[in-house]
């Protein structure tokens, strides 16, 4: 007879992620997927080419005004991204204007 309590889906997923061999890449992918939700539609429309270099998330914007705006809020954005995946994935947010 089994006396274990059933696990919630989020608890089971967290246990899976903890054992998954490529969890860093998976969590980085989760951060990229949540970018628009976290930063909002205005910033999401202005950013493109999001990618990780190690634990640095780089986003490319089309002009210097948006680069300055996002750069000024980079610590807040990084914290919200990390909070959205319950893990410190983004150590730094780098903003590049091209």
C-alpha atoms as a PDB file:
ATOM      1  CA  UNK A   1       0.000   0.000   0.000  1.00  0.00           C
ATOM      2  CA  UNK A   2       1.333   3.394  -1.011  1.00  0.00           C
ATOM      3  CA  UNK A   3       1.044   6.279   1.432  1.00  0.00           C
ATOM      4  CA  UNK A   4       2.797   8.991  -0.616  1.00  0.00           C
ATOM      5  CA  UNK A   5       0.853  12.157  -1.242  1.00  0.00           C
ATOM      6  CA  UNK A   6       0.413  12.969  -4.922  1.00  0.00           C
ATOM      7  CA  UNK A   7       2.750  15.715  -6.122  1.00  0.00           C
ATOM      8  CA  UNK A   8       1.579  18.878  -7.783  1.00  0.00           C
ATOM      9  CA  UNK A   9       2.521  19.312 -11.426  1.00  0.00           C
ATOM     10  CA  UNK A  10       4.799  22.241 -10.561  1.00  0.00           C
ATOM     11  CA  UNK A  11       6.590  20.169  -7.890  1.00  0.00           C
ATOM     12  CA  UNK A  12       7.039  17.243 -10.288  1.00  0.00           C
ATOM     13  CA  UNK A  13       8.318  19.604 -13.001  1.00  0.00           C
ATOM     14  CA  UNK A  14      10.780  21.196 -10.579  1.00  0.00           C
ATOM     15  CA  UNK A  15      12.129  17.760  -9.584  1.00  0.00           C
ATOM     16  CA  UNK A  16      12.507  16.876 -13.257  1.00  0.00           C
ATOM     17  CA  UNK A  17      14.377  20.129 -13.978  1.00  0.00           C
ATOM     18  CA  UNK A  18      16.709  19.519 -11.043  1.00  0.00           C
ATOM     19  CA  UNK A  19      17.724  16.144 -12.537  1.00  0.00           C
ATOM     20  CA  UNK A  20      17.649  17.181 -16.227  1.00  0.00           C
ATOM     21  CA  UNK A  21      21.208  17.211 -17.629  1.00  0.00           C
ATOM     22  CA  UNK A  22      20.658  20.287 -19.798  1.00  0.00           C
ATOM     23  CA  UNK A  23      18.686  22.314 -17.286  1.00  0.00           C
ATOM     24  CA  UNK A  24      20.714  25.503 -17.879  1.00  0.00           C
ATOM     25  CA  UNK A  25      19.827  25.549 -21.587  1.00  0.00           C
ATOM     26  CA  UNK A  26      16.222  24.657 -20.818  1.00  0.00           C
ATOM     27  CA  UNK A  27      15.905  27.511 -18.311  1.00  0.00           C
ATOM     28  CA  UNK A  28      17.539  29.916 -20.763  1.00  0.00           C
ATOM     29  CA  UNK A  29      14.947  28.869 -23.330  1.00  0.00           C
ATOM     30  CA  UNK A  30      12.211  29.501 -20.772  1.00  0.00           C
ATOM     31  CA  UNK A  31      13.589  33.020 -20.169  1.00  0.00           C
ATOM     32  CA  UNK A  32      13.615  33.735 -23.913  1.00  0.00           C
ATOM     33  CA  UNK A  33      10.037  32.476 -24.203  1.00  0.00           C
ATOM     34  CA  UNK A  34       8.900  34.749 -21.358  1.00  0.00           C
ATOM     35  CA  UNK A  35      10.703  37.876 -22.618  1.00  0.00           C
ATOM     36  CA  UNK A  36       7.620  39.522 -24.165  1.00  0.00           C
ATOM     37  CA  UNK A  37       5.435  38.725 -21.178  1.00  0.00           C
ATOM     38  CA  UNK A  38       7.972  40.138 -18.716  1.00  0.00           C
ATOM     39  CA  UNK A  39       9.033  43.312 -20.562  1.00  0.00           C
ATOM     40  CA  UNK A  40       5.650  44.127 -22.072  1.00  0.00           C
ATOM     41  CA  UNK A  41       4.575  44.684 -25.666  1.00  0.00           C
ATOM     42  CA  UNK A  42       6.285  48.070 -26.261  1.00  0.00           C
ATOM     43  CA  UNK A  43       9.756  46.848 -25.363  1.00  0.00           C
ATOM     44  CA  UNK A  44       9.170  43.433 -26.953  1.00  0.00           C
ATOM     45  CA  UNK A  45       8.358  45.123 -30.283  1.00  0.00           C
ATOM     46  CA  UNK A  46      11.621  47.073 -30.172  1.00  0.00           C
ATOM     47  CA  UNK A  47      13.899  44.158 -29.322  1.00  0.00           C
ATOM     48  CA  UNK A  48      15.119  41.362 -31.549  1.00  0.00           C
ATOM     49  CA  UNK A  49      17.958  38.848 -31.659  1.00  0.00           C
ATOM     50  CA  UNK A  50      17.796  37.800 -28.009  1.00  0.00           C
ATOM     51  CA  UNK A  51      20.563  35.352 -27.148  1.00  0.00           C
ATOM     52  CA  UNK A  52      22.665  34.109 -24.274  1.00  0.00           C
ATOM     53  CA  UNK A  53      26.452  34.233 -24.051  1.00  0.00           C
ATOM     54  CA  UNK A  54      27.030  32.205 -20.928  1.00  0.00           C
ATOM     55  CA  UNK A  55      24.787  33.821 -18.321  1.00  0.00           C
ATOM     56  CA  UNK A  56      24.644  37.199 -20.106  1.00  0.00           C
ATOM     57  CA  UNK A  57      21.418  37.827 -21.996  1.00  0.00           C
ATOM     58  CA  UNK A  58      21.930  40.139 -24.970  1.00  0.00           C
ATOM     59  CA  UNK A  59      19.111  41.920 -26.752  1.00  0.00           C
ATOM     60  CA  UNK A  60      19.451  44.001 -29.885  1.00  0.00           C
ATOM     61  CA  UNK A  61      17.386  47.142 -30.441  1.00  0.00           C
ATOM     62  CA  UNK A  62      17.085  49.315 -33.522  1.00  0.00           C
ATOM     63  CA  UNK A  63      17.944  52.698 -31.987  1.00  0.00           C
ATOM     64  CA  UNK A  64      19.886  54.356 -29.179  1.00  0.00           C
ATOM     65  CA  UNK A  65      16.795  55.733 -27.428  1.00  0.00           C
ATOM     66  CA  UNK A  66      15.422  52.240 -26.759  1.00  0.00           C
ATOM     67  CA  UNK A  67      18.899  51.023 -25.874  1.00  0.00           C
ATOM     68  CA  UNK A  68      19.126  53.702 -23.183  1.00  0.00           C
ATOM     69  CA  UNK A  69      15.606  52.972 -21.869  1.00  0.00           C
ATOM     70  CA  UNK A  70      16.190  49.218 -21.567  1.00  0.00           C
ATOM     71  CA  UNK A  71      19.742  49.662 -20.275  1.00  0.00           C
ATOM     72  CA  UNK A  72      18.453  51.938 -17.473  1.00  0.00           C
ATOM     73  CA  UNK A  73      16.018  49.187 -16.408  1.00  0.00           C
ATOM     74  CA  UNK A  74      18.304  46.192 -17.018  1.00  0.00           C
ATOM     75  CA  UNK A  75      18.622  45.112 -13.370  1.00  0.00           C
ATOM     76  CA  UNK A  76      14.851  45.216 -12.836  1.00  0.00           C
ATOM     77  CA  UNK A  77      14.223  43.329 -16.093  1.00  0.00           C
ATOM     78  CA  UNK A  78      16.827  40.667 -15.240  1.00  0.00           C
ATOM     79  CA  UNK A  79      15.285  40.167 -11.795  1.00  0.00           C
ATOM     80  CA  UNK A  80      11.790  39.806 -13.238  1.00  0.00           C
ATOM     81  CA  UNK A  81      13.039  37.323 -15.856  1.00  0.00           C
ATOM     82  CA  UNK A  82      14.761  35.262 -13.165  1.00  0.00           C
ATOM     83  CA  UNK A  83      11.667  35.413 -10.966  1.00  0.00           C
ATOM     84  CA  UNK A  84       9.534  34.200 -13.866  1.00  0.00           C
ATOM     85  CA  UNK A  85      11.520  30.933 -14.030  1.00  0.00           C
ATOM     86  CA  UNK A  86      12.326  30.679 -10.289  1.00  0.00           C
ATOM     87  CA  UNK A  87      16.040  30.530 -10.946  1.00  0.00           C
ATOM     88  CA  UNK A  88      18.933  32.970 -11.438  1.00  0.00           C
ATOM     89  CA  UNK A  89      19.504  32.385 -15.142  1.00  0.00           C
ATOM     90  CA  UNK A  90      20.244  35.973 -16.234  1.00  0.00           C
ATOM     91  CA  UNK A  91      23.319  37.326 -14.443  1.00  0.00           C
ATOM     92  CA  UNK A  92      23.465  40.406 -16.673  1.00  0.00           C
ATOM     93  CA  UNK A  93      21.361  42.015 -19.401  1.00  0.00           C
ATOM     94  CA  UNK A  94      23.343  43.579 -22.229  1.00  0.00           C
ATOM     95  CA  UNK A  95      21.591  45.923 -24.663  1.00  0.00           C
ATOM     96  CA  UNK A  96      23.061  46.625 -28.104  1.00  0.00           C
ATOM     97  CA  UNK A  97      21.770  49.169 -30.655  1.00  0.00           C
ATOM     98  CA  UNK A  98      22.182  48.257 -34.329  1.00  0.00           C
END
